[in-house]
């Protein structure tokens, strides 16, 4: 089916074109694949998010996005206009919302976009933004939410006093509002499908195949890519403090991304705070590590490493959301000494290394190919 005469309004609070973290990279890939179906896409973001991440609209690809709206959460204070006082009064009477950025003012601005143009599809990222479109005149648009994660469990990791029943009820209630609910993890797919039935579809993250460069020089034994979210900080600290002492002193480790701000100087570690392209670093590495201790859902960094044909060594969290927890190119353990032993075995045993590498390539091709992903997006829109 050709969607070239269809309009899609796509909401993601930060810039998908920064590609700074796994969730952002996935969103960018989704936009690229949706565009490949011929859709006309308008993008909506939130100014507070853009400012806090240092994002601008300059990096947004006009080949993918037709029009960009970066919305304010409140009117300019200095004007002290009737608009500002209306916002203050509305804020006072707004229902309690765990999402502090979802103000009546933001919702009104979003409504103004809907008034100006007829959209065939409205795509929201994360269920906690559902009130943006609840009670709006959607003019018959079909609604899609990308869950990204099991948000209740994710919030529970950060707040052990969370009222789980209330929050999960809210999450399911939000998701039930949509025509289609997209998950990226097999685990979440089964959970949400139990409550919401056939409207749930699983679209795993996807990447182009980057296998090859077999003969490129392997400068690094290990590679870790990550933003500086709390889960990554906890994980890399555990690896450096607990696992690294069991590894040989001459081991070479490349760590890339904002996570480097939290990594101590170490003779074995090369820190790359920002890389325009990860390709040269992945091709120059033997093994990818994913020592995650907390967090939910598929780890985008694991799928990305597989797209380069790298074996992965991780904790049990590294294979969250995979349909097959065993034959997937990952070797996992939550025990620091065993984690180190797996790495040493792969570096010293070429047949074990090759076996795990081929397993990673096979699992990637069967589960995370771009072709399969585009077909699933087509199926999601064609209802």
Protein backbone atom coordinates (compact mmCIF):
# COMPACT_ATOMS: atom_id res chain seq x y z
CA UNK A 1 0.00 0.00 0.00
CA UNK A 2 1.23 3.50 -0.84
CA UNK A 3 0.75 6.08 1.92
CA UNK A 4 1.94 9.09 -0.14
CA UNK A 5 -1.34 10.98 0.28
CA UNK A 6 -1.50 10.31 4.04
CA UNK A 7 -0.50 12.79 6.76
CA UNK A 8 1.09 11.66 10.03
CA UNK A 9 1.60 13.85 13.12
CA UNK A 10 4.51 12.43 15.11
CA UNK A 11 5.07 13.46 18.74
CA UNK A 12 8.43 12.88 20.45
CA UNK A 13 9.46 15.37 23.18
CA UNK A 14 13.15 15.67 22.24
CA UNK A 15 14.83 15.79 18.84
CA UNK A 16 14.89 12.33 17.22
CA UNK A 17 17.74 13.55 15.04
CA UNK A 18 20.22 13.91 17.92
CA UNK A 19 20.52 10.07 18.08
CA UNK A 20 22.18 10.52 21.48
CA UNK A 21 20.67 7.45 23.16
CA UNK A 22 18.99 4.16 22.33
CA UNK A 23 15.41 5.45 22.63
CA UNK A 24 16.23 8.45 20.41
CA UNK A 25 18.00 6.30 17.83
CA UNK A 26 15.01 3.96 17.68
CA UNK A 27 12.69 6.94 17.14
CA UNK A 28 14.89 8.25 14.33
CA UNK A 29 14.86 4.81 12.68
CA UNK A 30 11.05 4.63 12.99
CA UNK A 31 10.70 8.03 11.29
CA UNK A 32 13.02 6.96 8.48
CA UNK A 33 11.06 3.75 7.92
CA UNK A 34 7.66 5.46 8.11
CA UNK A 35 8.89 8.00 5.55
CA UNK A 36 9.98 5.16 3.26
CA UNK A 37 6.28 4.18 3.07
CA UNK A 38 5.54 7.58 1.50
CA UNK A 39 3.91 9.36 4.47
CA UNK A 40 3.94 13.15 4.89
CA UNK A 41 5.28 13.59 8.43
CA UNK A 42 5.02 16.60 10.74
CA UNK A 43 7.08 16.46 13.95
CA UNK A 44 6.12 17.85 17.37
CA UNK A 45 8.53 18.33 20.27
CA UNK A 46 8.61 20.10 23.65
CA UNK A 47 10.76 23.20 24.11
CA UNK A 48 11.79 22.29 27.69
CA UNK A 49 13.23 19.00 26.40
CA UNK A 50 15.01 20.64 23.48
CA UNK A 51 16.57 23.22 25.83
CA UNK A 52 17.66 20.71 28.47
CA UNK A 53 19.39 18.52 25.87
CA UNK A 54 20.77 21.41 23.82
CA UNK A 55 18.72 20.27 20.79
CA UNK A 56 17.86 22.59 17.91
CA UNK A 57 15.64 22.26 14.87
CA UNK A 58 18.65 22.74 12.58
CA UNK A 59 19.60 19.06 12.59
CA UNK A 60 16.13 17.92 11.55
CA UNK A 61 16.18 16.27 8.12
CA UNK A 62 13.75 17.99 5.75
CA UNK A 63 13.82 14.88 3.52
CA UNK A 64 11.96 13.07 6.33
CA UNK A 65 10.04 15.86 8.11
CA UNK A 66 7.73 18.36 6.40
CA UNK A 67 7.01 20.70 9.29
CA UNK A 68 8.41 21.01 12.84
CA UNK A 69 6.58 22.32 15.91
CA UNK A 70 8.50 22.80 19.18
CA UNK A 71 5.85 23.67 21.75
CA UNK A 72 6.16 25.65 24.98
CA UNK A 73 4.76 24.26 28.23
CA UNK A 74 3.79 27.72 29.51
CA UNK A 75 3.32 31.21 28.07
CA UNK A 76 6.12 33.79 28.40
CA UNK A 77 6.07 35.13 31.96
CA UNK A 78 7.20 38.65 31.14
CA UNK A 79 4.10 39.44 29.13
CA UNK A 80 1.74 38.91 32.09
CA UNK A 81 -0.99 38.66 29.49
CA UNK A 82 -4.44 37.22 30.00
CA UNK A 83 -3.00 34.11 28.36
CA UNK A 84 -0.43 33.81 31.16
CA UNK A 85 -3.05 34.25 33.93
CA UNK A 86 -5.32 31.76 32.22
CA UNK A 87 -2.42 29.28 32.29
CA UNK A 88 -1.83 29.94 36.02
CA UNK A 89 -5.50 29.40 36.87
CA UNK A 90 -5.72 26.24 34.74
CA UNK A 91 -2.57 24.89 36.39
CA UNK A 92 -4.15 25.35 39.81
CA UNK A 93 -7.15 23.20 38.86
CA UNK A 94 -5.40 20.66 36.63
CA UNK A 95 -5.71 17.05 37.72
CA UNK A 96 -2.59 15.63 39.25
CA UNK A 97 -0.33 14.31 36.50
CA UNK A 98 2.94 12.48 36.95
CA UNK A 99 4.14 14.17 33.75
CA UNK A 100 4.91 17.75 34.87
CA UNK A 101 5.45 18.93 31.29
CA UNK A 102 1.98 17.97 30.10
CA UNK A 103 0.30 21.28 30.90
CA UNK A 104 -3.04 22.62 29.66
CA UNK A 105 -1.05 25.26 27.75
CA UNK A 106 0.94 22.57 25.90
CA UNK A 107 -2.24 20.63 25.17
CA UNK A 108 -3.92 23.77 23.79
CA UNK A 109 -0.94 24.39 21.50
CA UNK A 110 -1.10 20.79 20.32
CA UNK A 111 -4.82 21.26 19.68
CA UNK A 112 -4.03 24.32 17.54
CA UNK A 113 -1.88 22.10 15.27
CA UNK A 114 -4.76 19.62 14.92
CA UNK A 115 -7.15 22.47 14.03
CA UNK A 116 -5.03 23.62 11.10
CA UNK A 117 -4.58 20.33 9.28
CA UNK A 118 -6.30 16.98 8.82
CA UNK A 119 -4.08 14.09 9.91
CA UNK A 120 -4.71 10.46 9.00
CA UNK A 121 -2.47 9.19 11.81
CA UNK A 122 -1.34 10.60 15.15
CA UNK A 123 1.70 8.90 16.61
CA UNK A 124 2.60 9.43 20.29
CA UNK A 125 5.82 8.18 21.89
CA UNK A 126 5.35 7.05 25.54
CA UNK A 127 1.95 6.43 27.14
CA UNK A 128 2.42 9.22 29.73
CA UNK A 129 1.79 11.79 26.96
CA UNK A 130 -1.68 10.38 26.19
CA UNK A 131 -3.50 13.38 27.66
CA UNK A 132 -2.07 15.45 24.80
CA UNK A 133 -4.70 13.89 22.54
CA UNK A 134 -7.39 12.83 24.98
CA UNK A 135 -10.47 15.10 24.63
CA UNK A 136 -9.05 16.69 21.46
CA UNK A 137 -10.89 16.73 18.14
CA UNK A 138 -8.73 14.25 16.20
CA UNK A 139 -10.96 14.48 13.09
CA UNK A 140 -11.02 10.72 12.68
CA UNK A 141 -7.24 10.25 12.81
CA UNK A 142 -6.04 6.78 13.74
CA UNK A 143 -3.90 6.79 16.88
CA UNK A 144 -0.69 4.85 17.52
CA UNK A 145 1.48 4.78 20.63
CA UNK A 146 5.05 3.48 20.81
CA UNK A 147 5.45 2.24 24.40
CA UNK A 148 9.31 2.09 24.25
CA UNK A 149 9.24 0.30 27.58
CA UNK A 150 7.13 -1.09 30.40
CA UNK A 151 6.95 2.32 32.09
CA UNK A 152 5.49 1.15 35.43
CA UNK A 153 8.40 -1.23 36.03
CA UNK A 154 10.90 1.36 34.86
CA UNK A 155 9.50 3.93 37.31
CA UNK A 156 9.50 1.32 40.09
CA UNK A 157 13.29 0.89 39.68
CA UNK A 158 13.65 4.60 40.46
CA UNK A 159 10.99 4.73 43.17
CA UNK A 160 10.43 1.68 45.35
CA UNK A 161 7.48 3.43 47.06
CA UNK A 162 5.55 3.68 43.78
CA UNK A 163 1.93 2.55 44.05
CA UNK A 164 2.31 -0.23 41.48
CA UNK A 165 -1.38 -1.08 41.14
CA UNK A 166 -2.39 2.52 40.59
CA UNK A 167 0.45 3.28 38.14
CA UNK A 168 0.00 0.10 36.10
CA UNK A 169 -3.77 0.74 35.97
CA UNK A 170 -3.00 4.22 34.63
CA UNK A 171 -0.57 2.79 32.06
CA UNK A 172 -3.09 0.24 30.76
CA UNK A 173 -5.85 2.88 30.74
CA UNK A 174 -3.64 5.20 28.66
CA UNK A 175 -2.68 2.44 26.23
CA UNK A 176 -6.31 1.36 25.80
CA UNK A 177 -7.05 4.82 24.34
CA UNK A 178 -5.09 4.04 21.14
CA UNK A 179 -6.03 2.14 18.00
CA UNK A 180 -2.60 0.47 17.89
CA UNK A 181 -0.05 -0.14 20.65
CA UNK A 182 3.52 -0.80 19.51
CA UNK A 183 6.01 -2.64 21.75
CA UNK A 184 9.67 -3.26 21.00
CA UNK A 185 10.17 -6.19 23.35
CA UNK A 186 8.64 -9.66 23.28
CA UNK A 187 8.22 -9.54 27.08
CA UNK A 188 6.16 -6.33 27.01
CA UNK A 189 4.23 -7.58 23.99
CA UNK A 190 2.94 -10.57 25.99
CA UNK A 191 2.08 -8.41 29.03
CA UNK A 192 0.18 -5.71 27.13
CA UNK A 193 -1.49 -8.18 24.76
CA UNK A 194 -2.96 -9.98 27.78
CA UNK A 195 -4.83 -6.79 28.69
CA UNK A 196 -5.35 -5.11 25.32
CA UNK A 197 -5.65 -7.96 22.81
CA UNK A 198 -5.13 -7.60 19.07
CA UNK A 199 -4.36 -3.88 19.03
CA UNK A 200 -0.84 -4.68 20.33
CA UNK A 201 1.90 -5.28 17.75
CA UNK A 202 5.57 -5.97 18.42
CA UNK A 203 8.06 -4.10 16.22
CA UNK A 204 11.60 -4.79 17.46
CA UNK A 205 14.34 -2.21 16.91
CA UNK A 206 16.10 -2.56 13.57
CA UNK A 207 19.36 -1.56 11.94
CA UNK A 208 20.94 -2.01 8.53
CA UNK A 209 23.31 -4.96 8.32
CA UNK A 210 26.85 -3.78 9.01
CA UNK A 211 28.61 -7.13 8.82
CA UNK A 212 31.90 -7.19 6.96
CA UNK A 213 35.20 -5.46 7.55
CA UNK A 214 36.30 -8.81 8.96
CA UNK A 215 39.91 -7.97 8.28
CA UNK A 216 39.87 -4.50 9.84
CA UNK A 217 42.34 -4.02 12.65
CA UNK A 218 40.82 -4.78 16.04
CA UNK A 219 42.14 -1.93 18.16
CA UNK A 220 39.79 -2.66 21.09
CA UNK A 221 38.92 -5.86 22.92
CA UNK A 222 35.68 -4.45 24.35
CA UNK A 223 33.26 -1.66 23.44
CA UNK A 224 30.44 -0.05 25.46
CA UNK A 225 28.16 2.67 24.09
CA UNK A 226 25.81 4.60 26.36
CA UNK A 227 24.14 7.83 27.38
CA UNK A 228 24.50 9.03 30.98
CA UNK A 229 21.14 7.77 32.21
CA UNK A 230 21.23 6.37 35.79
CA UNK A 231 20.99 2.73 34.64
CA UNK A 232 24.05 3.09 32.40
CA UNK A 233 26.02 4.88 35.15
CA UNK A 234 25.23 2.10 37.65
CA UNK A 235 26.14 -0.56 35.09
CA UNK A 236 29.49 0.80 33.91
CA UNK A 237 30.56 1.50 37.51
CA UNK A 238 29.78 -2.12 38.40
CA UNK A 239 31.81 -3.31 35.42
CA UNK A 240 34.83 -1.11 36.23
CA UNK A 241 34.80 -1.81 39.98
CA UNK A 242 33.85 -5.50 39.98
CA UNK A 243 34.70 -7.07 36.59
CA UNK A 244 37.73 -5.16 35.33
CA UNK A 245 40.01 -6.35 38.20
CA UNK A 246 39.52 -9.94 36.92
CA UNK A 247 40.60 -9.02 33.37
CA UNK A 248 44.19 -8.88 32.09
CA UNK A 249 45.94 -5.52 32.53
CA UNK A 250 46.64 -5.20 28.79
CA UNK A 251 42.93 -5.33 27.83
CA UNK A 252 41.76 -2.39 25.70
CA UNK A 253 38.27 -0.98 26.26
CA UNK A 254 36.49 1.73 24.25
CA UNK A 255 33.64 3.59 25.99
CA UNK A 256 31.55 5.98 23.87
CA UNK A 257 28.91 8.57 24.71
CA UNK A 258 27.88 10.87 27.53
CA UNK A 259 28.46 7.98 29.94
CA UNK A 260 32.15 8.96 29.72
CA UNK A 261 31.45 11.81 32.16
CA UNK A 262 31.01 9.14 34.84
CA UNK A 263 33.94 6.90 33.88
CA UNK A 264 37.19 7.27 35.85
CA UNK A 265 40.51 7.52 34.02
CA UNK A 266 42.01 4.07 33.63
CA UNK A 267 44.96 2.77 31.63
CA UNK A 268 42.78 0.17 29.89
CA UNK A 269 39.98 2.58 28.93
CA UNK A 270 39.76 5.00 26.00
CA UNK A 271 36.87 7.47 26.39
CA UNK A 272 35.11 8.93 23.35
CA UNK A 273 32.59 11.53 24.54
CA UNK A 274 30.95 11.93 21.13
CA UNK A 275 31.23 10.04 17.85
CA UNK A 276 29.55 11.17 14.63
CA UNK A 277 29.59 7.58 13.48
CA UNK A 278 29.98 4.47 15.61
CA UNK A 279 30.84 2.35 12.59
CA UNK A 280 34.63 2.68 12.80
CA UNK A 281 34.59 1.90 16.53
CA UNK A 282 32.39 -1.18 16.22
CA UNK A 283 34.47 -2.51 13.34
CA UNK A 284 37.60 -1.94 15.43
CA UNK A 285 36.22 -3.92 18.40
CA UNK A 286 36.06 -7.63 19.17
CA UNK A 287 33.27 -7.84 21.78
CA UNK A 288 30.44 -5.55 22.94
CA UNK A 289 29.56 -5.50 26.63
CA UNK A 290 26.18 -4.78 28.22
CA UNK A 291 26.55 -4.98 32.02
CA UNK A 292 23.05 -3.61 32.77
CA UNK A 293 21.77 -4.21 36.30
CA UNK A 294 18.45 -2.33 36.05
CA UNK A 295 16.07 -1.10 33.36
CA UNK A 296 13.43 -2.78 31.27
CA UNK A 297 12.93 -3.64 27.63
CA UNK A 298 15.24 -4.48 24.77
CA UNK A 299 18.68 -2.89 25.00
CA UNK A 300 19.14 -1.00 21.73
CA UNK A 301 22.93 -1.05 22.25
CA UNK A 302 22.86 -4.87 22.10
CA UNK A 303 20.91 -4.96 18.83
CA UNK A 304 23.20 -2.29 17.35
CA UNK A 305 26.31 -4.31 18.29
CA UNK A 306 24.76 -7.40 16.68
CA UNK A 307 24.24 -5.43 13.45
CA UNK A 308 28.05 -5.25 13.27
CA UNK A 309 28.37 -8.99 13.90
CA UNK A 310 29.84 -8.58 17.39
CA UNK A 311 29.39 -11.19 20.11
CA UNK A 312 27.94 -9.66 23.28
CA UNK A 313 28.82 -10.34 26.90
CA UNK A 314 26.26 -9.02 29.35
CA UNK A 315 24.28 -9.46 32.51
CA UNK A 316 20.93 -11.24 32.34
CA UNK A 317 19.30 -7.85 31.65
CA UNK A 318 21.14 -7.72 28.30
CA UNK A 319 18.70 -10.22 26.77
CA UNK A 320 15.50 -8.64 28.12
CA UNK A 321 12.77 -8.71 25.50
CA UNK A 322 14.44 -11.30 23.25
CA UNK A 323 12.23 -14.10 21.90
CA UNK A 324 15.11 -16.56 22.50
CA UNK A 325 17.10 -16.02 25.69
CA UNK A 326 19.81 -18.55 24.78
CA UNK A 327 20.76 -18.80 21.10
CA UNK A 328 21.17 -15.11 20.41
CA UNK A 329 24.87 -14.22 20.26
CA UNK A 330 24.92 -13.12 23.91
CA UNK A 331 26.64 -14.82 26.85
CA UNK A 332 25.30 -13.60 30.17
CA UNK A 333 26.07 -13.70 33.88
CA UNK A 334 25.37 -11.44 36.84
CA UNK A 335 28.45 -12.79 38.62
CA UNK A 336 31.46 -10.53 38.08
CA UNK A 337 34.03 -13.33 37.95
CA UNK A 338 31.99 -15.42 35.50
CA UNK A 339 31.39 -12.27 33.39
CA UNK A 340 35.18 -11.77 33.20
CA UNK A 341 35.77 -15.47 32.46
CA UNK A 342 33.35 -15.34 29.49
CA UNK A 343 35.27 -12.35 28.07
CA UNK A 344 38.65 -14.05 28.54
CA UNK A 345 37.40 -17.25 26.89
CA UNK A 346 36.10 -15.38 23.82
CA UNK A 347 39.34 -13.42 23.46
CA UNK A 348 41.50 -16.54 23.78
CA UNK A 349 39.42 -19.16 22.01
CA UNK A 350 38.90 -18.35 18.33
CA UNK A 351 36.43 -21.20 17.67
CA UNK A 352 34.16 -20.16 20.58
CA UNK A 353 34.43 -16.55 19.41
CA UNK A 354 33.46 -17.42 15.82
CA UNK A 355 30.56 -19.61 16.98
CA UNK A 356 29.10 -16.80 19.10
CA UNK A 357 29.68 -14.24 16.37
CA UNK A 358 27.75 -16.33 13.81
CA UNK A 359 24.99 -16.84 16.36
CA UNK A 360 24.70 -13.04 16.78
CA UNK A 361 24.52 -12.51 13.01
CA UNK A 362 21.90 -15.25 12.58
CA UNK A 363 19.75 -13.92 15.45
CA UNK A 364 20.00 -10.37 14.13
CA UNK A 365 18.94 -11.36 10.60
CA UNK A 366 15.95 -13.31 11.92
CA UNK A 367 14.70 -10.67 14.34
CA UNK A 368 15.99 -7.15 13.65
CA UNK A 369 16.25 -6.64 9.90
CA UNK A 370 15.08 -3.33 8.39
CA UNK A 371 12.99 -5.13 5.74
CA UNK A 372 10.97 -6.98 8.38
CA UNK A 373 10.51 -3.79 10.40
CA UNK A 374 9.14 -1.80 7.43
CA UNK A 375 6.66 -4.62 6.71
CA UNK A 376 5.45 -4.46 10.33
CA UNK A 377 5.00 -0.67 10.15
CA UNK A 378 2.95 -1.12 6.98
CA UNK A 379 0.77 -3.67 8.76
CA UNK A 380 0.37 -1.29 11.75
CA UNK A 381 -0.83 1.58 9.56
CA UNK A 382 -3.03 -0.51 7.29
CA UNK A 383 -6.11 -0.93 9.48
